[in-house]
């Protein structure tokens, strides 16, 4: 469930670039061997705030998925009698 939700959310790490007198938000992500900067908008725009909120949500889901996988490993050990 977490993996499907993570896949629906935007990918990449947010990065603010200073260009002339303005600050602009980009999402940095890797596509194969290339690093791609996806333009989001001005750093103080509503769109930028929405994307940052979605990125935080994605990071939360990634952490929750990691915790679930660790707990699943423990359950499998118990079922095999390793603990």
C-alpha atoms as a PDB file:
ATOM      1  CA  UNK A   1       0.000   0.000   0.000  1.00  0.00           C
ATOM      2  CA  UNK A   2       2.779   2.440   0.910  1.00  0.00           C
ATOM      3  CA  UNK A   3       4.669   1.673  -2.284  1.00  0.00           C
ATOM      4  CA  UNK A   4       1.675   2.500  -4.479  1.00  0.00           C
ATOM      5  CA  UNK A   5       1.109   5.776  -2.611  1.00  0.00           C
ATOM      6  CA  UNK A   6       4.812   6.659  -2.901  1.00  0.00           C
ATOM      7  CA  UNK A   7       4.675   6.047  -6.655  1.00  0.00           C
ATOM      8  CA  UNK A   8       1.758   8.480  -7.002  1.00  0.00           C
ATOM      9  CA  UNK A   9       3.618  11.351  -5.304  1.00  0.00           C
ATOM     10  CA  UNK A  10       6.246  13.581  -6.962  1.00  0.00           C
ATOM     11  CA  UNK A  11       9.767  12.212  -7.088  1.00  0.00           C
ATOM     12  CA  UNK A  12      12.973  14.068  -6.315  1.00  0.00           C
ATOM     13  CA  UNK A  13      14.525  16.255  -3.686  1.00  0.00           C
ATOM     14  CA  UNK A  14      13.493  19.910  -3.518  1.00  0.00           C
ATOM     15  CA  UNK A  15      16.173  22.452  -4.364  1.00  0.00           C
ATOM     16  CA  UNK A  16      15.900  26.237  -4.371  1.00  0.00           C
ATOM     17  CA  UNK A  17      17.951  28.035  -7.008  1.00  0.00           C
ATOM     18  CA  UNK A  18      18.797  31.716  -6.835  1.00  0.00           C
ATOM     19  CA  UNK A  19      18.437  33.141 -10.344  1.00  0.00           C
ATOM     20  CA  UNK A  20      18.963  36.878 -10.678  1.00  0.00           C
ATOM     21  CA  UNK A  21      16.798  38.376  -7.933  1.00  0.00           C
ATOM     22  CA  UNK A  22      14.355  35.499  -7.540  1.00  0.00           C
ATOM     23  CA  UNK A  23      14.267  32.122  -5.835  1.00  0.00           C
ATOM     24  CA  UNK A  24      12.855  29.189  -7.781  1.00  0.00           C
ATOM     25  CA  UNK A  25      12.001  25.670  -6.654  1.00  0.00           C
ATOM     26  CA  UNK A  26      13.190  22.641  -8.623  1.00  0.00           C
ATOM     27  CA  UNK A  27      12.916  18.931  -7.974  1.00  0.00           C
ATOM     28  CA  UNK A  28      16.179  17.062  -8.477  1.00  0.00           C
ATOM     29  CA  UNK A  29      15.846  13.429  -9.448  1.00  0.00           C
ATOM     30  CA  UNK A  30      17.763  10.774 -11.305  1.00  0.00           C
ATOM     31  CA  UNK A  31      16.511   9.201 -14.537  1.00  0.00           C
ATOM     32  CA  UNK A  32      18.976   6.480 -15.415  1.00  0.00           C
ATOM     33  CA  UNK A  33      22.415   8.059 -15.596  1.00  0.00           C
ATOM     34  CA  UNK A  34      21.062  11.609 -15.910  1.00  0.00           C
ATOM     35  CA  UNK A  35      20.141  14.033 -13.160  1.00  0.00           C
ATOM     36  CA  UNK A  36      17.014  15.971 -14.091  1.00  0.00           C
ATOM     37  CA  UNK A  37      15.890  19.295 -12.611  1.00  0.00           C
ATOM     38  CA  UNK A  38      12.111  19.662 -12.858  1.00  0.00           C
ATOM     39  CA  UNK A  39      10.934  23.261 -12.550  1.00  0.00           C
ATOM     40  CA  UNK A  40       8.136  23.752 -10.023  1.00  0.00           C
ATOM     41  CA  UNK A  41       7.806  27.531  -9.771  1.00  0.00           C
ATOM     42  CA  UNK A  42       8.752  30.477  -7.604  1.00  0.00           C
ATOM     43  CA  UNK A  43       9.823  29.359  -4.149  1.00  0.00           C
ATOM     44  CA  UNK A  44       7.066  31.364  -2.427  1.00  0.00           C
ATOM     45  CA  UNK A  45       4.208  30.292  -4.728  1.00  0.00           C
ATOM     46  CA  UNK A  46       1.234  28.142  -3.749  1.00  0.00           C
ATOM     47  CA  UNK A  47       2.340  25.439  -6.195  1.00  0.00           C
ATOM     48  CA  UNK A  48       5.765  25.241  -4.511  1.00  0.00           C
ATOM     49  CA  UNK A  49       4.148  24.909  -1.075  1.00  0.00           C
ATOM     50  CA  UNK A  50       1.877  22.133  -2.358  1.00  0.00           C
ATOM     51  CA  UNK A  51       4.796  20.236  -3.889  1.00  0.00           C
ATOM     52  CA  UNK A  52       6.846  20.573  -0.691  1.00  0.00           C
ATOM     53  CA  UNK A  53       3.904  19.216   1.329  1.00  0.00           C
ATOM     54  CA  UNK A  54       3.612  16.257  -1.053  1.00  0.00           C
ATOM     55  CA  UNK A  55       7.351  15.600  -0.774  1.00  0.00           C
ATOM     56  CA  UNK A  56       7.065  15.578   3.041  1.00  0.00           C
ATOM     57  CA  UNK A  57       4.137  13.160   2.762  1.00  0.00           C
ATOM     58  CA  UNK A  58       6.171  10.909   0.451  1.00  0.00           C
ATOM     59  CA  UNK A  59       9.118  10.931   2.878  1.00  0.00           C
ATOM     60  CA  UNK A  60       6.739   9.959   5.713  1.00  0.00           C
ATOM     61  CA  UNK A  61       5.407   7.046   3.646  1.00  0.00           C
ATOM     62  CA  UNK A  62       8.961   5.915   2.852  1.00  0.00           C
ATOM     63  CA  UNK A  63       9.796   5.905   6.571  1.00  0.00           C
ATOM     64  CA  UNK A  64       6.599   4.005   7.423  1.00  0.00           C
ATOM     65  CA  UNK A  65       7.329   1.436   4.699  1.00  0.00           C
ATOM     66  CA  UNK A  66      10.821   0.946   6.114  1.00  0.00           C
ATOM     67  CA  UNK A  67       9.422   0.375   9.613  1.00  0.00           C
ATOM     68  CA  UNK A  68       6.863  -2.127   8.310  1.00  0.00           C
ATOM     69  CA  UNK A  69       9.561  -4.072   6.461  1.00  0.00           C
ATOM     70  CA  UNK A  70      11.720  -4.221   9.602  1.00  0.00           C
ATOM     71  CA  UNK A  71       8.784  -5.479  11.666  1.00  0.00           C
ATOM     72  CA  UNK A  72       7.970  -8.045   8.998  1.00  0.00           C
ATOM     73  CA  UNK A  73      11.528  -9.385   9.205  1.00  0.00           C
ATOM     74  CA  UNK A  74      11.128  -9.786  12.973  1.00  0.00           C
ATOM     75  CA  UNK A  75       7.821 -11.626  12.529  1.00  0.00           C
ATOM     76  CA  UNK A  76       9.387 -13.986   9.991  1.00  0.00           C
ATOM     77  CA  UNK A  77      12.226 -14.744  12.427  1.00  0.00           C
ATOM     78  CA  UNK A  78       9.737 -15.524  15.190  1.00  0.00           C
ATOM     79  CA  UNK A  79       7.745 -17.799  12.916  1.00  0.00           C
ATOM     80  CA  UNK A  80      10.905 -19.715  11.958  1.00  0.00           C
ATOM     81  CA  UNK A  81      11.888 -20.032  15.638  1.00  0.00           C
ATOM     82  CA  UNK A  82      15.037 -17.915  15.324  1.00  0.00           C
ATOM     83  CA  UNK A  83      14.227 -15.830  18.413  1.00  0.00           C
END
